[in-house]
Amino acid sequence: MKKNLLLISISLLLLILAACGNTEDNNNNSSDSSEKISIEHELGTTVVPANPEKVVVFDFGTLDTLDKLGVNVTAVPQGNIPSYLEKFESDEYENVGSLKEPDFDKLAEIDPDLIIISGRQASLYDQLSELAPTVHLGVDTTRYMDSFKENLDAIGKIFNKDDEVQTELAAIEESIAGLKEKAEGSGMNSLIILANDDKISAYGPNSRFGLIHDVFGVEPVDKGIEASTHGMNVTFEYVVENDPDMLYVIDRSAVVEGGSSSAKQLVENKLVENTKAYQNDNIVYLNPDYWYLSGGGLVSVQEMVNEIDASLK
């Protein structure tokens, strides 16, 4: 009898201990899932959940980075998605409007854990923040690499991808160092223009595409170009007058209007035929997916390096 009582007591004790263990495990899981991280960004400081599940991304550079890191994304604006990110056009992902006009009803329906934006949505930051924690991760072109690294650091912290981010960043920095040495040794100068329908605008140091000069080390043919998001309106007479060794062309119409590129027909006219760039076959049409739509991503920045490196023969 005493033996049976002893066995029953031991069994009860084991059950109690097991129950305590399960409770402790549940508490630990709850703690992990409710962990919060404070992220400083251009528009303020936002407290976000660690490893958020429902993530909405309005910046294609960030989308590029998250895809490279294997982070799941719930929703994106599905208009004008870069061709190399076309998988996000599928029904597997929610469509939350356009880059400049988010679908607030759809966002409320999704009830996201995190919204990531950049410059095109900056004016809507307060409205978006009412729906979910919102973080601005656009690249500041006046300090491109510092800004790029800060954004990567934020992404690494939010999604527990610090090691992967550092590995990818080290590879990019190594390739930039090699490109800069090559560019500075080439002795060539360049002009960057954006082709938009029948108009062109020029970009120089500290501008939207100024990393070609500021980071990659290619000499600008004109250091006096005013730095602005939309560039400096110029004519083809201006191009001929400055006579660059290299002419870099970004075709906005090709990605915004969704049609075939017309920049070559516009740019290679009778006037431009008189430039060194044309005569030496140094007019380079840069991929607008990377340069116009998704700058500041792990993939896009590396591809930008590759394109400029290839242009310096």
Protein backbone atom coordinates (compact mmCIF):
# COMPACT_ATOMS: atom_id res chain seq x y z
CA MET A 1 0.00 0.00 0.00
CA LYS A 2 2.77 2.41 1.01
CA LYS A 3 4.60 1.46 -2.16
CA ASN A 4 1.57 2.35 -4.30
CA LEU A 5 1.19 5.70 -2.52
CA LEU A 6 4.85 6.44 -3.15
CA LEU A 7 4.46 5.70 -6.87
CA ILE A 8 1.37 7.89 -7.08
CA SER A 9 3.18 10.75 -5.32
CA ILE A 10 6.14 10.50 -7.68
CA SER A 11 3.84 10.50 -10.72
CA LEU A 12 2.00 13.59 -9.48
CA LEU A 13 5.30 15.35 -8.85
CA LEU A 14 6.50 14.59 -12.38
CA LEU A 15 3.24 15.93 -13.86
CA ILE A 16 3.57 19.15 -11.87
CA LEU A 17 7.17 19.62 -13.00
CA ALA A 18 6.22 18.99 -16.63
CA ALA A 19 3.40 21.52 -16.40
CA CYS A 20 5.77 24.12 -14.94
CA GLY A 21 8.24 23.45 -17.74
CA ASN A 22 5.55 23.94 -20.38
CA THR A 23 4.44 27.18 -18.76
CA GLU A 24 8.01 28.45 -18.74
CA ASP A 25 8.45 27.53 -22.41
CA ASN A 26 5.23 29.33 -23.30
CA ASN A 27 6.36 32.41 -21.41
CA ASN A 28 9.68 32.37 -23.26
CA ASN A 29 7.95 32.09 -26.64
CA SER A 30 5.64 34.95 -25.75
CA SER A 31 8.60 37.09 -24.81
CA ASP A 32 10.36 36.40 -28.13
CA SER A 33 7.30 37.18 -30.21
CA SER A 34 6.71 40.48 -28.42
CA GLU A 35 10.29 41.79 -28.65
CA LYS A 36 10.47 45.39 -29.86
CA ILE A 37 13.28 47.25 -31.60
CA SER A 38 13.74 51.01 -31.81
CA ILE A 39 14.78 52.13 -35.32
CA GLU A 40 16.05 55.65 -36.04
CA HIS A 41 15.43 56.87 -39.58
CA GLU A 42 15.15 60.06 -41.60
CA LEU A 43 11.63 60.88 -40.38
CA GLY A 44 12.03 59.98 -36.72
CA THR A 45 12.28 56.96 -34.44
CA THR A 46 9.91 54.02 -34.77
CA VAL A 47 9.42 51.07 -32.45
CA VAL A 48 8.92 47.94 -34.54
CA PRO A 49 8.40 44.26 -33.70
CA ALA A 50 11.38 41.96 -34.18
CA ASN A 51 10.97 39.69 -37.21
CA PRO A 52 7.60 41.15 -38.25
CA GLU A 53 5.38 38.74 -40.16
CA LYS A 54 3.21 41.05 -42.27
CA VAL A 55 5.58 43.44 -44.05
CA VAL A 56 4.51 46.04 -46.62
CA VAL A 57 7.27 47.58 -48.74
CA PHE A 58 6.92 50.76 -50.81
CA ASP A 59 10.62 51.11 -51.65
CA PHE A 60 11.93 48.87 -54.44
CA GLY A 61 15.53 49.14 -53.23
CA THR A 62 14.46 47.76 -49.86
CA LEU A 63 12.36 45.11 -51.62
CA ASP A 64 15.45 44.10 -53.56
CA THR A 65 17.41 43.80 -50.29
CA LEU A 66 14.73 41.81 -48.46
CA ASP A 67 14.39 39.44 -51.39
CA LYS A 68 18.17 38.92 -51.45
CA LEU A 69 18.13 38.16 -47.71
CA GLY A 70 15.20 35.74 -47.99
CA VAL A 71 12.79 37.86 -45.94
CA ASN A 72 9.08 37.27 -46.59
CA VAL A 73 7.10 40.27 -47.85
CA THR A 74 3.31 40.50 -47.69
CA ALA A 75 2.44 43.41 -49.98
CA VAL A 76 3.93 45.86 -52.48
CA PRO A 77 2.69 48.51 -54.92
CA GLN A 78 2.53 46.36 -58.05
CA GLY A 79 2.78 49.09 -60.68
CA ASN A 80 6.20 49.67 -62.33
CA ILE A 81 7.94 46.89 -60.42
CA PRO A 82 11.50 46.40 -61.75
CA SER A 83 11.69 43.47 -64.15
CA TYR A 84 14.16 41.56 -61.99
CA LEU A 85 11.63 41.67 -59.13
CA GLU A 86 8.67 40.66 -61.30
CA LYS A 87 7.77 37.75 -59.00
CA PHE A 88 6.18 40.36 -56.71
CA GLU A 89 3.56 41.04 -59.40
CA SER A 90 1.99 37.64 -58.72
CA ASP A 91 -1.21 37.01 -56.74
CA GLU A 92 0.94 35.63 -53.95
CA TYR A 93 1.48 39.25 -52.88
CA GLU A 94 -1.13 41.88 -52.00
CA ASN A 95 -1.27 45.01 -54.15
CA VAL A 96 -1.26 48.19 -52.06
CA GLY A 97 -1.69 50.79 -54.78
CA SER A 98 1.11 52.78 -56.38
CA LEU A 99 4.31 54.37 -55.15
CA LYS A 100 2.68 57.79 -54.85
CA GLU A 101 -0.87 56.70 -54.04
CA PRO A 102 -1.02 53.91 -51.44
CA ASP A 103 -4.28 51.99 -51.13
CA PHE A 104 -5.20 52.84 -47.53
CA ASP A 105 -8.23 50.54 -47.53
CA LYS A 106 -6.11 47.57 -48.56
CA LEU A 107 -3.49 48.49 -45.97
CA ALA A 108 -6.12 48.59 -43.23
CA GLU A 109 -7.39 45.20 -44.39
CA ILE A 110 -3.90 43.70 -44.24
CA ASP A 111 -3.20 45.21 -40.80
CA PRO A 112 0.59 45.06 -41.32
CA ASP A 113 3.21 44.67 -38.61
CA LEU A 114 5.60 46.99 -40.49
CA ILE A 115 5.46 49.44 -43.40
CA ILE A 116 8.70 50.48 -45.14
CA ILE A 117 8.70 53.66 -47.24
CA SER A 118 11.10 56.05 -48.97
CA GLY A 119 10.99 59.54 -50.50
CA ARG A 120 7.92 59.10 -52.71
CA GLN A 121 5.76 58.34 -49.65
CA ALA A 122 7.47 60.64 -47.14
CA SER A 123 4.61 63.16 -47.12
CA LEU A 124 2.23 60.33 -46.09
CA TYR A 125 4.37 59.17 -43.16
CA ASP A 126 1.96 60.31 -40.44
CA GLN A 127 -1.05 58.71 -42.14
CA LEU A 128 0.78 55.44 -42.68
CA SER A 129 2.06 55.46 -39.10
CA GLU A 130 -1.52 55.44 -37.88
CA LEU A 131 -1.98 52.05 -39.56
CA ALA A 132 1.29 50.38 -38.53
CA PRO A 133 4.87 51.10 -37.44
CA THR A 134 6.38 52.90 -40.43
CA VAL A 135 10.09 53.28 -41.22
CA HIS A 136 11.67 55.50 -43.90
CA LEU A 137 14.58 53.66 -45.58
CA GLY A 138 15.20 55.78 -48.66
CA VAL A 139 18.77 56.55 -49.73
CA ASP A 140 20.13 60.05 -49.15
CA THR A 141 22.02 60.65 -52.40
CA THR A 142 24.18 63.39 -50.86
CA ARG A 143 25.74 60.70 -48.59
CA TYR A 144 24.95 57.62 -50.56
CA MET A 145 27.08 54.92 -48.96
CA ASP A 146 26.58 56.09 -45.38
CA SER A 147 22.83 56.19 -45.95
CA PHE A 148 22.91 52.80 -47.72
CA LYS A 149 24.77 51.23 -44.78
CA GLU A 150 22.39 52.75 -42.23
CA ASN A 151 19.42 51.29 -44.07
CA LEU A 152 21.07 47.88 -44.23
CA ASP A 153 21.86 48.09 -40.53
CA ALA A 154 18.20 48.79 -39.74
CA ILE A 155 17.08 45.87 -41.90
CA GLY A 156 19.63 43.58 -40.26
CA LYS A 157 18.35 44.50 -36.79
CA ILE A 158 14.65 44.22 -37.62
CA PHE A 159 14.91 40.83 -39.34
CA ASN A 160 17.84 39.35 -37.41
CA LYS A 161 20.02 39.36 -40.53
CA ASP A 162 23.07 41.24 -39.26
CA ASP A 163 25.62 38.62 -40.34
CA GLU A 164 24.14 38.22 -43.82
CA VAL A 165 24.00 41.99 -44.29
CA GLN A 166 27.65 42.45 -43.33
CA THR A 167 28.75 39.69 -45.69
CA GLU A 168 26.88 41.21 -48.62
CA LEU A 169 28.05 44.72 -47.78
CA ALA A 170 31.70 43.65 -47.59
CA ALA A 171 31.48 42.19 -51.10
CA ILE A 172 29.95 45.40 -52.47
CA GLU A 173 32.56 47.59 -50.79
CA GLU A 174 35.35 45.46 -52.21
CA SER A 175 33.96 45.79 -55.74
CA ILE A 176 33.54 49.57 -55.29
CA ALA A 177 37.17 49.91 -54.21
CA GLY A 178 38.28 48.13 -57.37
CA LEU A 179 36.00 50.26 -59.55
CA LYS A 180 37.17 53.51 -57.98
CA GLU A 181 40.81 52.64 -58.64
CA LYS A 182 39.95 51.76 -62.23
CA ALA A 183 37.91 54.94 -62.76
CA GLU A 184 40.56 57.25 -61.33
CA GLY A 185 43.22 55.56 -63.43
CA SER A 186 41.23 55.83 -66.65
CA GLY A 187 41.59 59.61 -66.94
CA MET A 188 38.09 59.76 -68.44
CA ASN A 189 35.37 62.23 -67.58
CA SER A 190 31.63 61.67 -67.93
CA LEU A 191 28.20 63.21 -68.14
CA ILE A 192 25.03 61.57 -66.77
CA ILE A 193 21.72 62.36 -68.45
CA LEU A 194 18.16 61.21 -67.87
CA ALA A 195 16.11 60.82 -71.05
CA ASN A 196 12.42 61.55 -70.55
CA ASP A 197 10.34 61.47 -73.74
CA ASP A 198 11.92 64.21 -75.89
CA LYS A 199 13.76 65.98 -73.07
CA ILE A 200 17.01 65.40 -71.23
CA SER A 201 18.33 66.50 -67.83
CA ALA A 202 21.85 66.34 -66.48
CA TYR A 203 23.03 65.02 -63.11
CA GLY A 204 26.33 65.74 -61.38
CA PRO A 205 27.96 65.16 -57.98
CA ASN A 206 25.63 64.88 -54.94
CA SER A 207 22.65 64.28 -57.21
CA ARG A 208 20.28 61.36 -57.61
CA PHE A 209 22.78 59.47 -59.77
CA GLY A 210 25.85 61.24 -58.41
CA LEU A 211 27.35 58.11 -56.86
CA ILE A 212 28.98 57.56 -60.27
CA HIS A 213 31.16 60.53 -59.37
CA ASP A 214 31.01 60.65 -55.56
CA VAL A 215 31.43 56.94 -54.82
CA PHE A 216 32.67 55.23 -57.98
CA GLY A 217 35.26 57.89 -58.77
CA VAL A 218 34.38 58.77 -62.38
CA GLU A 219 35.31 62.40 -63.06
CA PRO A 220 32.37 64.72 -63.92
CA VAL A 221 32.77 66.72 -67.12
CA ASP A 222 30.85 69.60 -65.50
CA LYS A 223 31.22 70.12 -61.74
CA GLY A 224 28.71 72.97 -61.77
CA ILE A 225 25.56 70.93 -62.41
CA GLU A 226 22.96 71.86 -59.83
CA ALA A 227 22.10 68.94 -57.56
CA SER A 228 18.39 68.15 -57.54
CA THR A 229 16.05 65.16 -57.68
CA HIS A 230 14.87 66.04 -61.17
CA GLY A 231 18.26 67.07 -62.53
CA MET A 232 19.23 70.18 -64.47
CA ASN A 233 17.32 70.72 -67.71
CA VAL A 234 19.81 70.83 -70.56
CA THR A 235 19.91 70.73 -74.37
CA PHE A 236 21.97 68.61 -76.72
CA GLU A 237 24.00 71.75 -77.47
CA TYR A 238 25.05 71.58 -73.81
CA VAL A 239 26.18 67.98 -74.29
CA VAL A 240 28.24 68.91 -77.35
CA GLU A 241 29.72 71.95 -75.60
CA ASN A 242 30.94 69.85 -72.67
CA ASP A 243 32.02 67.00 -74.97
CA PRO A 244 32.31 64.20 -72.37
CA ASP A 245 34.53 61.15 -72.82
CA MET A 246 31.67 59.02 -71.47
CA LEU A 247 27.94 59.68 -71.76
CA TYR A 248 25.77 57.71 -69.33
CA VAL A 249 22.08 57.59 -70.24
CA ILE A 250 19.16 56.52 -68.05
CA ASP A 251 15.89 56.03 -69.92
CA ARG A 252 13.01 57.05 -67.64
CA SER A 253 10.34 56.46 -70.26
CA ALA A 254 11.32 52.82 -70.62
CA VAL A 255 10.30 51.97 -67.05
CA VAL A 256 7.66 54.57 -66.20
CA GLU A 257 5.62 54.31 -69.38
CA GLY A 258 6.21 50.59 -69.78
CA GLY A 259 7.16 50.84 -73.43
CA SER A 260 10.28 49.99 -75.35
CA SER A 261 13.24 52.27 -74.87
CA SER A 262 13.45 55.29 -77.16
CA ALA A 263 16.49 56.90 -75.59
CA LYS A 264 18.96 55.72 -78.22
CA GLN A 265 16.97 57.35 -81.01
CA LEU A 266 16.67 60.55 -78.99
CA VAL A 267 20.27 60.76 -77.80
CA GLU A 268 22.31 59.65 -80.81
CA ASN A 269 21.40 62.58 -83.01
CA LYS A 270 23.43 64.67 -85.46
CA LEU A 271 24.67 67.00 -82.74
CA VAL A 272 25.82 64.24 -80.38
CA GLU A 273 27.65 62.52 -83.23
CA ASN A 274 30.26 65.27 -82.83
CA THR A 275 31.17 64.24 -79.27
CA LYS A 276 34.06 62.05 -78.16
CA ALA A 277 31.59 59.78 -76.39
CA TYR A 278 29.77 58.99 -79.62
CA GLN A 279 32.87 58.74 -81.79
CA ASN A 280 34.60 56.37 -79.35
CA ASP A 281 31.50 54.25 -78.77
CA ASN A 282 31.26 55.42 -75.17
CA ILE A 283 27.54 56.15 -74.89
CA VAL A 284 26.31 53.75 -72.20
CA TYR A 285 22.62 53.05 -71.59
CA LEU A 286 22.32 52.14 -67.93
CA ASN A 287 19.59 49.77 -66.75
CA PRO A 288 16.77 52.02 -65.48
CA ASP A 289 15.41 49.22 -63.27
CA TYR A 290 18.45 49.63 -61.04
CA TRP A 291 19.16 53.32 -61.48
CA TYR A 292 15.67 54.85 -61.60
CA LEU A 293 13.37 52.39 -59.80
CA SER A 294 15.31 50.47 -57.17
CA GLY A 295 18.49 52.26 -56.15
CA GLY A 296 19.86 51.47 -52.72
CA GLY A 297 19.30 47.70 -52.75
CA LEU A 298 21.84 44.95 -52.21
CA VAL A 299 21.28 43.74 -55.77
CA SER A 300 20.85 47.11 -57.47
CA VAL A 301 23.96 48.71 -55.97
CA GLN A 302 26.10 45.76 -56.98
CA GLU A 303 24.64 45.87 -60.51
CA MET A 304 25.34 49.61 -60.66
CA VAL A 305 28.97 48.89 -59.83
CA ASN A 306 29.08 46.18 -62.48
CA GLU A 307 27.65 48.45 -65.19
CA ILE A 308 30.06 51.32 -64.58
CA ASP A 309 32.98 48.91 -64.27
CA ALA A 310 32.09 47.34 -67.63
CA SER A 311 31.89 50.79 -69.25
CA LEU A 312 35.50 51.61 -68.38
CA LYS A 313 37.25 49.57 -71.04
